[in-house]
Amino acid sequence: MVEYGSGYVNALDTLCFYKNGKADCPPETGEFTYHLIKPDSLIIYNKGFGEQHYKILKLSNDSLIRQIRRQRIHAASIDEPVNGEIEKYIRVTEK
C-alpha cells in the first residue's frame, strides 16, 4: 500500500503487510512485524527500536486509514500517547 493524500500518491511512504506477520515500512529500516487487533487497532513493531499503535479508522481490501495513538521508543525510554495526523493508504498491487 502507498500513502495517498491531497489527491496524489506518495510512493516514498509505503506499507507491505504479509500473512506471516512481517511488514515492510520503507523508507524506514529495520525488522518490522505487525499485529492487527480487530476491529480497530494496529500495532507495528520495529525490532530493537520500538512500536507504534494506530487506531484504524477504515480498513477495506483496497485502503487503510489510520491515526497514530501511542508510540514507544525503547532506546529513549519514550512511551507516550499521541494524537497524530490521519494517514490514508491505498493498494497498488495484488500479492
N, C-alpha and C. Protein backbone atom coordinates (compact mmCIF):
# COMPACT_ATOMS: atom_id res chain seq x y z
N MET A 1 0.85 -1.17 0.00
CA MET A 1 0.00 0.00 0.00
C MET A 1 0.89 1.23 0.00
N VAL A 2 0.43 2.29 -0.64
CA VAL A 2 1.17 3.54 -0.64
C VAL A 2 0.30 4.64 -0.05
N GLU A 3 0.97 5.64 0.53
CA GLU A 3 0.23 6.74 1.13
C GLU A 3 -0.44 7.55 0.04
N TYR A 4 -1.67 7.98 0.31
CA TYR A 4 -2.45 8.75 -0.65
C TYR A 4 -3.05 9.93 0.09
N GLY A 5 -2.69 11.12 -0.32
CA GLY A 5 -3.23 12.31 0.34
C GLY A 5 -3.27 13.49 -0.60
N SER A 6 -4.24 14.34 -0.41
CA SER A 6 -4.40 15.56 -1.22
C SER A 6 -4.43 15.26 -2.71
N GLY A 7 -5.00 14.11 -3.07
CA GLY A 7 -5.17 13.79 -4.47
C GLY A 7 -3.95 13.23 -5.17
N TYR A 8 -2.89 12.85 -4.42
CA TYR A 8 -1.72 12.27 -5.07
C TYR A 8 -1.16 11.12 -4.24
N VAL A 9 -0.38 10.29 -4.91
CA VAL A 9 0.26 9.13 -4.27
C VAL A 9 1.67 9.51 -3.87
N ASN A 10 2.05 9.22 -2.63
CA ASN A 10 3.41 9.44 -2.14
C ASN A 10 4.12 8.09 -2.15
N ALA A 11 4.78 7.77 -3.26
CA ALA A 11 5.41 6.46 -3.41
C ALA A 11 6.59 6.26 -2.48
N LEU A 12 7.03 7.31 -1.79
CA LEU A 12 8.13 7.17 -0.84
C LEU A 12 7.67 6.59 0.48
N ASP A 13 6.39 6.62 0.75
CA ASP A 13 5.83 6.12 2.00
C ASP A 13 4.94 4.92 1.69
N THR A 14 5.48 3.74 1.87
CA THR A 14 4.73 2.52 1.54
C THR A 14 4.63 1.61 2.75
N LEU A 15 3.65 0.73 2.72
CA LEU A 15 3.47 -0.30 3.74
C LEU A 15 3.22 -1.62 3.02
N CYS A 16 3.88 -2.67 3.45
CA CYS A 16 3.63 -4.01 2.93
C CYS A 16 3.36 -4.92 4.12
N PHE A 17 2.21 -5.55 4.13
CA PHE A 17 1.84 -6.48 5.19
C PHE A 17 1.81 -7.88 4.60
N TYR A 18 2.40 -8.84 5.31
CA TYR A 18 2.45 -10.22 4.85
C TYR A 18 1.67 -11.10 5.81
N LYS A 19 1.14 -12.19 5.30
CA LYS A 19 0.33 -13.10 6.12
C LYS A 19 1.07 -13.69 7.31
N ASN A 20 2.40 -13.75 7.24
CA ASN A 20 3.18 -14.33 8.33
C ASN A 20 3.44 -13.35 9.47
N GLY A 21 2.85 -12.15 9.41
CA GLY A 21 3.02 -11.17 10.48
C GLY A 21 4.17 -10.21 10.28
N LYS A 22 4.92 -10.37 9.20
CA LYS A 22 6.00 -9.45 8.91
C LYS A 22 5.47 -8.26 8.13
N ALA A 23 6.22 -7.18 8.18
CA ALA A 23 5.84 -5.97 7.46
C ALA A 23 7.09 -5.26 6.94
N ASP A 24 6.93 -4.52 5.87
CA ASP A 24 7.96 -3.63 5.36
C ASP A 24 7.38 -2.23 5.41
N CYS A 25 8.19 -1.28 5.87
CA CYS A 25 7.71 0.10 6.04
C CYS A 25 8.71 1.10 5.48
N PRO A 26 9.12 0.97 4.20
CA PRO A 26 10.07 1.93 3.65
C PRO A 26 9.51 3.35 3.71
N PRO A 27 10.31 4.36 3.92
CA PRO A 27 11.77 4.34 3.87
C PRO A 27 12.43 3.95 5.20
N GLU A 28 11.67 3.57 6.21
CA GLU A 28 12.25 3.14 7.49
C GLU A 28 13.02 1.84 7.30
N THR A 29 14.05 1.65 8.11
CA THR A 29 14.82 0.42 8.05
C THR A 29 14.62 -0.36 9.33
N GLY A 30 14.89 -1.63 9.27
CA GLY A 30 14.76 -2.49 10.43
C GLY A 30 13.89 -3.68 10.13
N GLU A 31 13.68 -4.50 11.14
CA GLU A 31 12.86 -5.70 11.03
C GLU A 31 11.50 -5.40 11.63
N PHE A 32 10.47 -5.36 10.80
CA PHE A 32 9.12 -4.99 11.22
C PHE A 32 8.19 -6.19 11.29
N THR A 33 7.31 -6.16 12.28
CA THR A 33 6.20 -7.09 12.37
C THR A 33 4.97 -6.27 12.73
N TYR A 34 3.81 -6.88 12.61
CA TYR A 34 2.58 -6.16 12.95
C TYR A 34 1.62 -7.10 13.65
N HIS A 35 0.68 -6.47 14.34
CA HIS A 35 -0.39 -7.23 15.00
C HIS A 35 -1.67 -6.44 14.80
N LEU A 36 -2.63 -7.04 14.15
CA LEU A 36 -3.93 -6.43 13.92
C LEU A 36 -4.86 -6.87 15.04
N ILE A 37 -5.36 -5.91 15.79
CA ILE A 37 -6.29 -6.20 16.87
C ILE A 37 -7.66 -5.76 16.39
N LYS A 38 -8.46 -6.73 16.01
CA LYS A 38 -9.74 -6.41 15.41
C LYS A 38 -10.68 -5.81 16.43
N PRO A 39 -11.54 -4.92 16.05
CA PRO A 39 -11.73 -4.46 14.69
C PRO A 39 -11.01 -3.15 14.36
N ASP A 40 -10.33 -2.54 15.33
CA ASP A 40 -9.92 -1.17 15.04
C ASP A 40 -8.53 -0.76 15.51
N SER A 41 -7.63 -1.69 15.74
CA SER A 41 -6.30 -1.32 16.22
C SER A 41 -5.21 -2.08 15.47
N LEU A 42 -4.09 -1.42 15.25
CA LEU A 42 -2.94 -1.98 14.56
C LEU A 42 -1.69 -1.56 15.32
N ILE A 43 -0.82 -2.53 15.60
CA ILE A 43 0.47 -2.22 16.22
C ILE A 43 1.55 -2.65 15.25
N ILE A 44 2.49 -1.74 14.98
CA ILE A 44 3.63 -2.06 14.13
C ILE A 44 4.87 -2.01 15.02
N TYR A 45 5.60 -3.13 15.05
CA TYR A 45 6.80 -3.27 15.87
C TYR A 45 8.04 -3.15 14.99
N ASN A 46 9.01 -2.39 15.45
CA ASN A 46 10.32 -2.32 14.80
C ASN A 46 11.30 -2.94 15.77
N LYS A 47 11.74 -4.16 15.47
CA LYS A 47 12.58 -4.93 16.40
C LYS A 47 13.78 -4.11 16.86
N GLY A 48 13.94 -4.03 18.17
CA GLY A 48 15.06 -3.32 18.75
C GLY A 48 14.90 -1.82 18.82
N PHE A 49 13.84 -1.29 18.23
CA PHE A 49 13.65 0.16 18.24
C PHE A 49 12.42 0.58 19.05
N GLY A 50 11.27 0.02 18.70
CA GLY A 50 10.05 0.41 19.41
C GLY A 50 8.81 -0.07 18.69
N GLU A 51 7.72 0.61 18.97
CA GLU A 51 6.43 0.24 18.37
C GLU A 51 5.53 1.46 18.26
N GLN A 52 4.61 1.36 17.32
CA GLN A 52 3.61 2.41 17.14
C GLN A 52 2.23 1.77 17.13
N HIS A 53 1.31 2.37 17.87
CA HIS A 53 -0.06 1.88 17.97
C HIS A 53 -0.96 2.82 17.18
N TYR A 54 -1.79 2.24 16.33
CA TYR A 54 -2.67 3.03 15.46
C TYR A 54 -4.12 2.68 15.72
N LYS A 55 -4.96 3.66 15.59
CA LYS A 55 -6.41 3.48 15.54
C LYS A 55 -6.75 3.33 14.06
N ILE A 56 -7.45 2.26 13.71
CA ILE A 56 -7.88 2.07 12.33
C ILE A 56 -9.22 2.76 12.16
N LEU A 57 -9.24 3.76 11.30
CA LEU A 57 -10.47 4.49 11.04
C LEU A 57 -11.26 3.84 9.91
N LYS A 58 -10.54 3.21 8.97
CA LYS A 58 -11.20 2.47 7.88
C LYS A 58 -10.24 1.41 7.38
N LEU A 59 -10.74 0.21 7.15
CA LEU A 59 -9.95 -0.87 6.60
C LEU A 59 -10.81 -1.62 5.60
N SER A 60 -10.31 -1.74 4.38
CA SER A 60 -11.01 -2.50 3.34
C SER A 60 -9.97 -3.24 2.52
N ASN A 61 -10.40 -3.94 1.50
CA ASN A 61 -9.46 -4.68 0.65
C ASN A 61 -8.50 -3.77 -0.10
N ASP A 62 -8.88 -2.51 -0.29
CA ASP A 62 -8.01 -1.63 -1.07
C ASP A 62 -7.59 -0.34 -0.37
N SER A 63 -7.92 -0.18 0.91
CA SER A 63 -7.48 1.04 1.59
C SER A 63 -7.36 0.84 3.10
N LEU A 64 -6.52 1.68 3.68
CA LEU A 64 -6.32 1.72 5.12
C LEU A 64 -6.23 3.18 5.53
N ILE A 65 -7.05 3.58 6.47
CA ILE A 65 -6.95 4.93 7.03
C ILE A 65 -6.66 4.74 8.51
N ARG A 66 -5.54 5.33 8.95
CA ARG A 66 -5.08 5.11 10.31
C ARG A 66 -4.65 6.42 10.96
N GLN A 67 -4.61 6.39 12.29
CA GLN A 67 -4.15 7.54 13.07
C GLN A 67 -3.31 7.01 14.22
N ILE A 68 -2.08 7.51 14.35
CA ILE A 68 -1.21 7.05 15.43
C ILE A 68 -1.77 7.53 16.76
N ARG A 69 -1.77 6.62 17.75
CA ARG A 69 -2.32 6.93 19.07
C ARG A 69 -1.30 6.76 20.20
N ARG A 70 -0.23 5.98 19.97
CA ARG A 70 0.78 5.77 21.01
C ARG A 70 2.08 5.37 20.33
N GLN A 71 3.18 5.85 20.89
CA GLN A 71 4.48 5.41 20.39
C GLN A 71 5.39 5.05 21.55
N ARG A 72 6.17 4.01 21.32
CA ARG A 72 7.16 3.56 22.31
C ARG A 72 8.50 3.47 21.59
N ILE A 73 9.49 4.17 22.12
CA ILE A 73 10.85 4.12 21.58
C ILE A 73 11.73 3.63 22.71
N HIS A 74 12.24 2.42 22.56
CA HIS A 74 12.97 1.76 23.64
C HIS A 74 14.24 2.49 24.06
N ALA A 75 15.08 2.88 23.11
CA ALA A 75 16.37 3.49 23.45
C ALA A 75 16.22 4.81 24.20
N ALA A 76 15.16 5.54 23.91
CA ALA A 76 14.94 6.84 24.56
C ALA A 76 13.96 6.75 25.72
N SER A 77 13.53 5.54 26.07
CA SER A 77 12.56 5.33 27.14
C SER A 77 11.30 6.19 26.97
N ILE A 78 10.86 6.32 25.72
CA ILE A 78 9.65 7.09 25.42
C ILE A 78 8.47 6.13 25.33
N ASP A 79 7.42 6.46 26.02
CA ASP A 79 6.15 5.73 25.95
C ASP A 79 5.08 6.77 26.17
N GLU A 80 4.50 7.26 25.08
CA GLU A 80 3.57 8.37 25.22
C GLU A 80 2.38 8.25 24.28
N PRO A 81 1.24 8.73 24.74
CA PRO A 81 0.09 8.82 23.85
C PRO A 81 0.31 9.92 22.83
N VAL A 82 -0.23 9.73 21.64
CA VAL A 82 -0.08 10.69 20.56
C VAL A 82 -1.44 10.85 19.89
N ASN A 83 -1.77 12.03 19.50
CA ASN A 83 -2.97 12.27 18.68
C ASN A 83 -2.47 12.72 17.32
N GLY A 84 -1.98 11.76 16.54
CA GLY A 84 -1.30 12.06 15.29
C GLY A 84 -2.24 12.35 14.14
N GLU A 85 -1.60 12.70 13.02
CA GLU A 85 -2.38 13.01 11.83
C GLU A 85 -2.99 11.75 11.24
N ILE A 86 -4.01 11.93 10.48
CA ILE A 86 -4.70 10.83 9.82
C ILE A 86 -4.00 10.56 8.49
N GLU A 87 -3.66 9.30 8.25
CA GLU A 87 -2.97 8.90 7.03
C GLU A 87 -3.82 7.88 6.28
N LYS A 88 -3.87 8.06 4.95
CA LYS A 88 -4.62 7.14 4.11
C LYS A 88 -3.65 6.42 3.19
N TYR A 89 -3.81 5.09 3.10
CA TYR A 89 -3.01 4.26 2.21
C TYR A 89 -3.94 3.52 1.26
N ILE A 90 -3.51 3.35 0.02
CA ILE A 90 -4.30 2.61 -0.96
C ILE A 90 -3.46 1.46 -1.53
N ARG A 91 -4.14 0.39 -1.92
CA ARG A 91 -3.47 -0.78 -2.51
C ARG A 91 -3.05 -0.42 -3.92
N VAL A 92 -1.83 -0.82 -4.26
CA VAL A 92 -1.35 -0.58 -5.62
C VAL A 92 -0.99 -1.86 -6.36
N THR A 93 -0.88 -2.99 -5.65
CA THR A 93 -0.58 -4.25 -6.32
C THR A 93 -1.37 -5.37 -5.66
N GLU A 94 -1.53 -6.44 -6.38
CA GLU A 94 -2.14 -7.66 -5.85
C GLU A 94 -1.01 -8.61 -5.51
N LYS A 95 -0.95 -9.10 -4.28
CA LYS A 95 0.09 -10.07 -3.91
C LYS A 95 -0.55 -11.29 -3.31
